[in-house]
N, C-alpha and C. Protein backbone atom coordinates (compact mmCIF):
# COMPACT_ATOMS: atom_id res chain seq x y z
N MET A 1 -11.18 -52.88 -47.50
CA MET A 1 -11.39 -52.80 -48.93
C MET A 1 -11.98 -51.45 -49.32
N LEU A 2 -12.85 -50.90 -48.50
CA LEU A 2 -13.42 -49.59 -48.82
C LEU A 2 -12.37 -48.50 -48.70
N ILE A 3 -11.43 -48.66 -47.79
CA ILE A 3 -10.33 -47.70 -47.69
C ILE A 3 -9.55 -47.68 -48.99
N ALA A 4 -9.40 -48.82 -49.62
CA ALA A 4 -8.68 -48.90 -50.89
C ALA A 4 -9.38 -48.09 -51.97
N ASN A 5 -10.68 -47.89 -51.86
CA ASN A 5 -11.37 -47.07 -52.86
C ASN A 5 -11.01 -45.60 -52.72
N ASN A 6 -10.41 -45.21 -51.59
CA ASN A 6 -9.86 -43.87 -51.43
C ASN A 6 -8.40 -43.82 -51.86
N THR A 7 -7.65 -44.86 -51.50
CA THR A 7 -6.20 -44.85 -51.74
C THR A 7 -5.80 -45.54 -53.04
N GLY A 8 -6.64 -46.42 -53.55
CA GLY A 8 -6.34 -47.09 -54.80
C GLY A 8 -5.72 -48.47 -54.67
N VAL A 9 -5.25 -48.83 -53.48
CA VAL A 9 -4.58 -50.12 -53.32
C VAL A 9 -5.17 -50.85 -52.12
N PRO A 10 -5.79 -52.03 -52.34
CA PRO A 10 -6.31 -52.78 -51.19
C PRO A 10 -5.18 -53.37 -50.36
N ALA A 11 -5.33 -53.30 -49.06
CA ALA A 11 -4.34 -53.88 -48.15
C ALA A 11 -4.39 -55.41 -48.28
N PRO A 12 -3.24 -56.06 -48.35
CA PRO A 12 -3.21 -57.52 -48.46
C PRO A 12 -3.99 -58.21 -47.35
N GLU A 13 -3.93 -57.64 -46.11
CA GLU A 13 -4.65 -58.27 -45.02
C GLU A 13 -6.17 -58.14 -45.19
N ALA A 14 -6.63 -57.09 -45.84
CA ALA A 14 -8.06 -56.94 -46.11
C ALA A 14 -8.51 -57.99 -47.13
N LEU A 15 -7.72 -58.17 -48.16
CA LEU A 15 -8.04 -59.21 -49.16
C LEU A 15 -8.04 -60.59 -48.52
N ALA A 16 -7.06 -60.84 -47.67
CA ALA A 16 -6.98 -62.15 -47.00
C ALA A 16 -8.19 -62.38 -46.12
N ALA A 17 -8.63 -61.34 -45.39
CA ALA A 17 -9.80 -61.48 -44.51
C ALA A 17 -11.06 -61.76 -45.30
N ILE A 18 -11.25 -61.06 -46.40
CA ILE A 18 -12.44 -61.28 -47.21
C ILE A 18 -12.41 -62.67 -47.83
N ASN A 19 -11.26 -63.08 -48.32
CA ASN A 19 -11.15 -64.43 -48.89
C ASN A 19 -11.38 -65.51 -47.83
N ARG A 20 -10.88 -65.26 -46.63
CA ARG A 20 -11.08 -66.23 -45.54
C ARG A 20 -12.57 -66.37 -45.20
N GLU A 21 -13.25 -65.26 -45.07
CA GLU A 21 -14.69 -65.30 -44.76
C GLU A 21 -15.49 -65.88 -45.92
N GLY A 22 -15.04 -65.60 -47.12
CA GLY A 22 -15.75 -66.08 -48.30
C GLY A 22 -15.68 -67.58 -48.51
N ARG A 23 -14.63 -68.20 -48.01
CA ARG A 23 -14.48 -69.64 -48.18
C ARG A 23 -15.65 -70.42 -47.59
N ASP A 24 -16.14 -69.98 -46.46
CA ASP A 24 -17.20 -70.71 -45.77
C ASP A 24 -18.57 -70.05 -45.88
N ALA A 25 -18.65 -68.98 -46.64
CA ALA A 25 -19.94 -68.28 -46.78
C ALA A 25 -20.93 -69.17 -47.54
N PRO A 26 -22.13 -69.31 -47.00
CA PRO A 26 -23.14 -70.15 -47.65
C PRO A 26 -23.79 -69.42 -48.83
N LEU A 27 -23.05 -69.34 -49.94
CA LEU A 27 -23.53 -68.69 -51.15
C LEU A 27 -23.76 -69.72 -52.23
N GLY A 28 -24.75 -69.47 -53.05
CA GLY A 28 -25.00 -70.34 -54.19
C GLY A 28 -25.51 -69.51 -55.35
N LEU A 29 -25.75 -70.15 -56.46
CA LEU A 29 -26.30 -69.49 -57.64
C LEU A 29 -27.66 -70.08 -57.95
N ARG A 30 -28.58 -69.21 -58.33
CA ARG A 30 -29.88 -69.67 -58.80
C ARG A 30 -30.03 -69.15 -60.23
N PHE A 31 -30.32 -70.07 -61.14
CA PHE A 31 -30.47 -69.72 -62.53
C PHE A 31 -31.94 -69.71 -62.92
N GLU A 32 -32.30 -68.71 -63.69
CA GLU A 32 -33.63 -68.63 -64.27
C GLU A 32 -33.46 -68.49 -65.77
N ALA A 33 -34.53 -68.43 -66.49
CA ALA A 33 -34.46 -68.41 -67.95
C ALA A 33 -33.61 -67.25 -68.48
N ASP A 34 -33.72 -66.08 -67.88
CA ASP A 34 -33.03 -64.91 -68.41
C ASP A 34 -32.00 -64.29 -67.48
N GLN A 35 -31.74 -64.91 -66.35
CA GLN A 35 -30.76 -64.33 -65.43
C GLN A 35 -30.25 -65.36 -64.44
N ALA A 36 -29.21 -64.97 -63.73
CA ALA A 36 -28.68 -65.77 -62.62
C ALA A 36 -28.49 -64.81 -61.45
N GLU A 37 -28.69 -65.32 -60.23
CA GLU A 37 -28.48 -64.47 -59.06
C GLU A 37 -27.80 -65.24 -57.95
N LEU A 38 -27.08 -64.50 -57.11
CA LEU A 38 -26.47 -65.09 -55.93
C LEU A 38 -27.55 -65.32 -54.89
N VAL A 39 -27.49 -66.47 -54.24
CA VAL A 39 -28.46 -66.81 -53.20
C VAL A 39 -27.69 -67.06 -51.90
N CYS A 40 -28.16 -66.45 -50.83
CA CYS A 40 -27.53 -66.62 -49.52
C CYS A 40 -28.30 -67.67 -48.73
N ALA A 41 -27.58 -68.64 -48.20
CA ALA A 41 -28.20 -69.69 -47.38
C ALA A 41 -27.74 -69.50 -45.94
N GLY A 42 -27.98 -70.48 -45.12
CA GLY A 42 -27.53 -70.42 -43.74
C GLY A 42 -28.40 -69.53 -42.89
N ALA A 43 -27.93 -69.24 -41.69
CA ALA A 43 -28.69 -68.40 -40.76
C ALA A 43 -27.71 -67.60 -39.90
N GLY A 44 -28.22 -66.60 -39.23
CA GLY A 44 -27.44 -65.81 -38.29
C GLY A 44 -26.27 -65.09 -38.94
N VAL A 45 -25.13 -65.14 -38.26
CA VAL A 45 -23.94 -64.43 -38.70
C VAL A 45 -23.46 -64.95 -40.05
N ASP A 46 -23.53 -66.27 -40.26
CA ASP A 46 -23.09 -66.84 -41.53
C ASP A 46 -23.89 -66.27 -42.70
N ARG A 47 -25.19 -66.16 -42.51
CA ARG A 47 -26.05 -65.61 -43.57
C ARG A 47 -25.74 -64.12 -43.79
N ALA A 48 -25.51 -63.38 -42.71
CA ALA A 48 -25.18 -61.96 -42.83
C ALA A 48 -23.88 -61.77 -43.61
N ILE A 49 -22.88 -62.58 -43.32
CA ILE A 49 -21.61 -62.50 -44.05
C ILE A 49 -21.83 -62.83 -45.52
N ALA A 50 -22.61 -63.86 -45.79
CA ALA A 50 -22.90 -64.24 -47.17
C ALA A 50 -23.60 -63.09 -47.90
N GLN A 51 -24.55 -62.44 -47.24
CA GLN A 51 -25.27 -61.33 -47.86
C GLN A 51 -24.32 -60.16 -48.16
N LEU A 52 -23.43 -59.86 -47.21
CA LEU A 52 -22.47 -58.78 -47.45
C LEU A 52 -21.54 -59.11 -48.62
N LEU A 53 -21.06 -60.34 -48.66
CA LEU A 53 -20.18 -60.74 -49.76
C LEU A 53 -20.91 -60.71 -51.10
N ALA A 54 -22.17 -61.08 -51.10
CA ALA A 54 -22.97 -61.02 -52.33
C ALA A 54 -23.13 -59.57 -52.79
N LEU A 55 -23.37 -58.67 -51.85
CA LEU A 55 -23.50 -57.24 -52.20
C LEU A 55 -22.19 -56.69 -52.76
N VAL A 56 -21.07 -57.08 -52.16
CA VAL A 56 -19.77 -56.63 -52.65
C VAL A 56 -19.55 -57.15 -54.07
N TYR A 57 -19.85 -58.40 -54.29
CA TYR A 57 -19.67 -58.99 -55.62
C TYR A 57 -20.53 -58.25 -56.66
N GLU A 58 -21.79 -58.03 -56.33
CA GLU A 58 -22.68 -57.35 -57.27
C GLU A 58 -22.22 -55.92 -57.53
N ALA A 59 -21.73 -55.23 -56.50
CA ALA A 59 -21.24 -53.86 -56.68
C ALA A 59 -20.00 -53.84 -57.56
N ARG A 60 -19.15 -54.85 -57.42
CA ARG A 60 -17.96 -54.92 -58.28
C ARG A 60 -18.37 -55.19 -59.72
N CYS A 61 -19.40 -56.01 -59.91
CA CYS A 61 -19.86 -56.33 -61.26
C CYS A 61 -20.55 -55.15 -61.95
N ASP A 62 -21.36 -54.39 -61.18
CA ASP A 62 -22.12 -53.32 -61.82
C ASP A 62 -21.41 -51.96 -61.82
N GLY A 63 -20.19 -51.91 -61.29
CA GLY A 63 -19.40 -50.69 -61.35
C GLY A 63 -19.61 -49.71 -60.21
N THR A 64 -20.45 -50.04 -59.24
CA THR A 64 -20.68 -49.11 -58.13
C THR A 64 -19.70 -49.30 -56.98
N TRP A 65 -18.92 -50.38 -57.00
CA TRP A 65 -18.00 -50.67 -55.91
C TRP A 65 -17.03 -49.52 -55.65
N SER A 66 -16.49 -48.91 -56.69
CA SER A 66 -15.50 -47.86 -56.49
C SER A 66 -16.09 -46.62 -55.83
N ARG A 67 -17.41 -46.52 -55.78
CA ARG A 67 -18.06 -45.39 -55.12
C ARG A 67 -18.26 -45.63 -53.62
N LEU A 68 -18.07 -46.85 -53.15
CA LEU A 68 -18.19 -47.15 -51.73
C LEU A 68 -16.83 -46.91 -51.09
N LYS A 69 -16.79 -46.00 -50.13
CA LYS A 69 -15.52 -45.60 -49.54
C LYS A 69 -15.65 -45.49 -48.03
N VAL A 70 -14.51 -45.31 -47.37
CA VAL A 70 -14.48 -45.07 -45.93
C VAL A 70 -13.80 -43.72 -45.71
N CYS A 71 -14.40 -42.93 -44.85
CA CYS A 71 -13.83 -41.63 -44.51
C CYS A 71 -12.45 -41.85 -43.87
N PRO A 72 -11.42 -41.15 -44.35
CA PRO A 72 -10.08 -41.36 -43.81
C PRO A 72 -9.83 -40.67 -42.46
N ALA A 73 -10.77 -39.90 -41.97
CA ALA A 73 -10.58 -39.23 -40.67
C ALA A 73 -10.46 -40.29 -39.58
N GLU A 74 -9.39 -40.21 -38.80
CA GLU A 74 -9.12 -41.22 -37.77
C GLU A 74 -10.25 -41.35 -36.75
N ASN A 75 -10.95 -40.26 -36.46
CA ASN A 75 -12.02 -40.31 -35.48
C ASN A 75 -13.39 -40.54 -36.11
N CYS A 76 -13.43 -40.92 -37.38
CA CYS A 76 -14.70 -41.13 -38.07
C CYS A 76 -14.81 -42.55 -38.62
N ARG A 77 -14.16 -42.79 -39.76
CA ARG A 77 -14.16 -44.10 -40.43
C ARG A 77 -15.55 -44.59 -40.86
N TRP A 78 -16.49 -43.66 -41.08
CA TRP A 78 -17.80 -44.05 -41.57
C TRP A 78 -17.71 -44.46 -43.03
N ALA A 79 -18.46 -45.48 -43.41
CA ALA A 79 -18.57 -45.85 -44.82
C ALA A 79 -19.57 -44.89 -45.47
N PHE A 80 -19.29 -44.53 -46.72
CA PHE A 80 -20.21 -43.65 -47.44
C PHE A 80 -20.19 -43.96 -48.93
N TYR A 81 -21.22 -43.50 -49.62
CA TYR A 81 -21.35 -43.69 -51.06
C TYR A 81 -20.96 -42.39 -51.73
N ASP A 82 -19.97 -42.43 -52.59
CA ASP A 82 -19.45 -41.25 -53.29
C ASP A 82 -20.40 -40.89 -54.43
N ARG A 83 -21.18 -39.85 -54.24
CA ARG A 83 -22.14 -39.41 -55.26
C ARG A 83 -21.57 -38.34 -56.19
N SER A 84 -20.30 -37.99 -56.01
CA SER A 84 -19.72 -36.94 -56.86
C SER A 84 -19.64 -37.41 -58.30
N ARG A 85 -19.75 -36.46 -59.20
CA ARG A 85 -19.75 -36.78 -60.63
C ARG A 85 -18.47 -37.49 -61.06
N ASN A 86 -17.33 -37.02 -60.54
CA ASN A 86 -16.05 -37.59 -60.96
C ASN A 86 -15.51 -38.68 -60.03
N ARG A 87 -16.33 -39.11 -59.07
CA ARG A 87 -15.98 -40.19 -58.13
C ARG A 87 -14.73 -39.86 -57.31
N ALA A 88 -14.55 -38.59 -56.98
CA ALA A 88 -13.34 -38.17 -56.28
C ALA A 88 -13.58 -37.75 -54.84
N ALA A 89 -14.76 -37.97 -54.30
CA ALA A 89 -15.02 -37.59 -52.91
C ALA A 89 -14.11 -38.38 -51.98
N THR A 90 -13.64 -37.71 -50.94
CA THR A 90 -12.75 -38.35 -49.98
C THR A 90 -13.41 -38.49 -48.63
N TRP A 91 -14.18 -37.48 -48.21
CA TRP A 91 -14.72 -37.41 -46.86
C TRP A 91 -16.19 -37.78 -46.85
N CYS A 92 -16.64 -38.33 -45.73
CA CYS A 92 -18.06 -38.65 -45.60
C CYS A 92 -18.89 -37.36 -45.66
N GLN A 93 -18.39 -36.31 -45.02
CA GLN A 93 -19.02 -34.99 -45.07
C GLN A 93 -17.92 -33.94 -45.14
N MET A 94 -17.89 -33.22 -46.23
CA MET A 94 -16.85 -32.22 -46.40
C MET A 94 -16.95 -31.15 -45.31
N GLY A 95 -18.17 -30.79 -44.91
CA GLY A 95 -18.36 -29.75 -43.91
C GLY A 95 -17.85 -30.11 -42.54
N GLU A 96 -17.65 -31.38 -42.27
CA GLU A 96 -17.15 -31.79 -40.96
C GLU A 96 -15.76 -32.41 -41.09
N CYS A 97 -15.68 -33.64 -41.52
CA CYS A 97 -14.39 -34.34 -41.56
C CYS A 97 -13.41 -33.68 -42.52
N GLY A 98 -13.86 -33.32 -43.70
CA GLY A 98 -12.98 -32.68 -44.67
C GLY A 98 -12.50 -31.33 -44.19
N ASN A 99 -13.40 -30.55 -43.62
CA ASN A 99 -13.04 -29.23 -43.13
C ASN A 99 -12.02 -29.33 -41.99
N ARG A 100 -12.23 -30.26 -41.06
CA ARG A 100 -11.28 -30.44 -39.96
C ARG A 100 -9.89 -30.80 -40.48
N SER A 101 -9.85 -31.71 -41.43
CA SER A 101 -8.56 -32.16 -41.98
C SER A 101 -7.86 -31.02 -42.70
N LYS A 102 -8.61 -30.28 -43.49
CA LYS A 102 -7.99 -29.17 -44.23
C LYS A 102 -7.53 -28.07 -43.28
N ALA A 103 -8.28 -27.82 -42.21
CA ALA A 103 -7.86 -26.82 -41.22
C ALA A 103 -6.59 -27.26 -40.51
N ARG A 104 -6.49 -28.56 -40.15
CA ARG A 104 -5.27 -29.07 -39.52
C ARG A 104 -4.07 -28.92 -40.46
N ALA A 105 -4.26 -29.26 -41.72
CA ALA A 105 -3.17 -29.16 -42.70
C ALA A 105 -2.75 -27.70 -42.88
N TYR A 106 -3.71 -26.79 -42.91
CA TYR A 106 -3.42 -25.37 -43.04
C TYR A 106 -2.60 -24.88 -41.84
N ARG A 107 -3.06 -25.24 -40.62
CA ARG A 107 -2.34 -24.83 -39.42
C ARG A 107 -0.91 -25.40 -39.41
N ALA A 108 -0.77 -26.66 -39.82
CA ALA A 108 0.56 -27.28 -39.84
C ALA A 108 1.48 -26.57 -40.83
N ARG A 109 0.96 -26.22 -42.01
CA ARG A 109 1.76 -25.52 -43.00
C ARG A 109 2.22 -24.16 -42.47
N HIS A 110 1.31 -23.43 -41.84
CA HIS A 110 1.64 -22.10 -41.34
C HIS A 110 2.50 -22.15 -40.09
N ARG A 111 2.39 -23.20 -39.32
CA ARG A 111 3.25 -23.39 -38.15
C ARG A 111 4.68 -23.62 -38.64
N ASP A 112 4.82 -24.39 -39.72
CA ASP A 112 6.14 -24.66 -40.28
C ASP A 112 6.76 -23.39 -40.87
N ASP A 113 5.94 -22.50 -41.42
CA ASP A 113 6.42 -21.25 -41.99
C ASP A 113 6.92 -20.30 -40.91
N ALA A 114 6.29 -20.36 -39.75
CA ALA A 114 6.65 -19.44 -38.66
C ALA A 114 7.89 -19.90 -37.99
């Protein structure tokens, strides 16, 4: 799903996996006078999955979800938060992953020219 925040389209298998895990996640709602919040129940791995799903839901609701991305570098794949003003960051670190990718693309273009 975070890869989709770089490419724009979530993979059907990613959606299926999240929906599958969400079916059994011990999540509930707690209502108070002025708000409602997601509550995670259970223990161990089940609780961890519920907490992750709750965070994803809240990020989708508050608009920060699109800023959570995965670096597209095959040897990296770190998740990162896009702090750029226009939400267009692609790489976890431009100085490393982005630079390597751009250098490879440059070499490939010039190899094709030669």
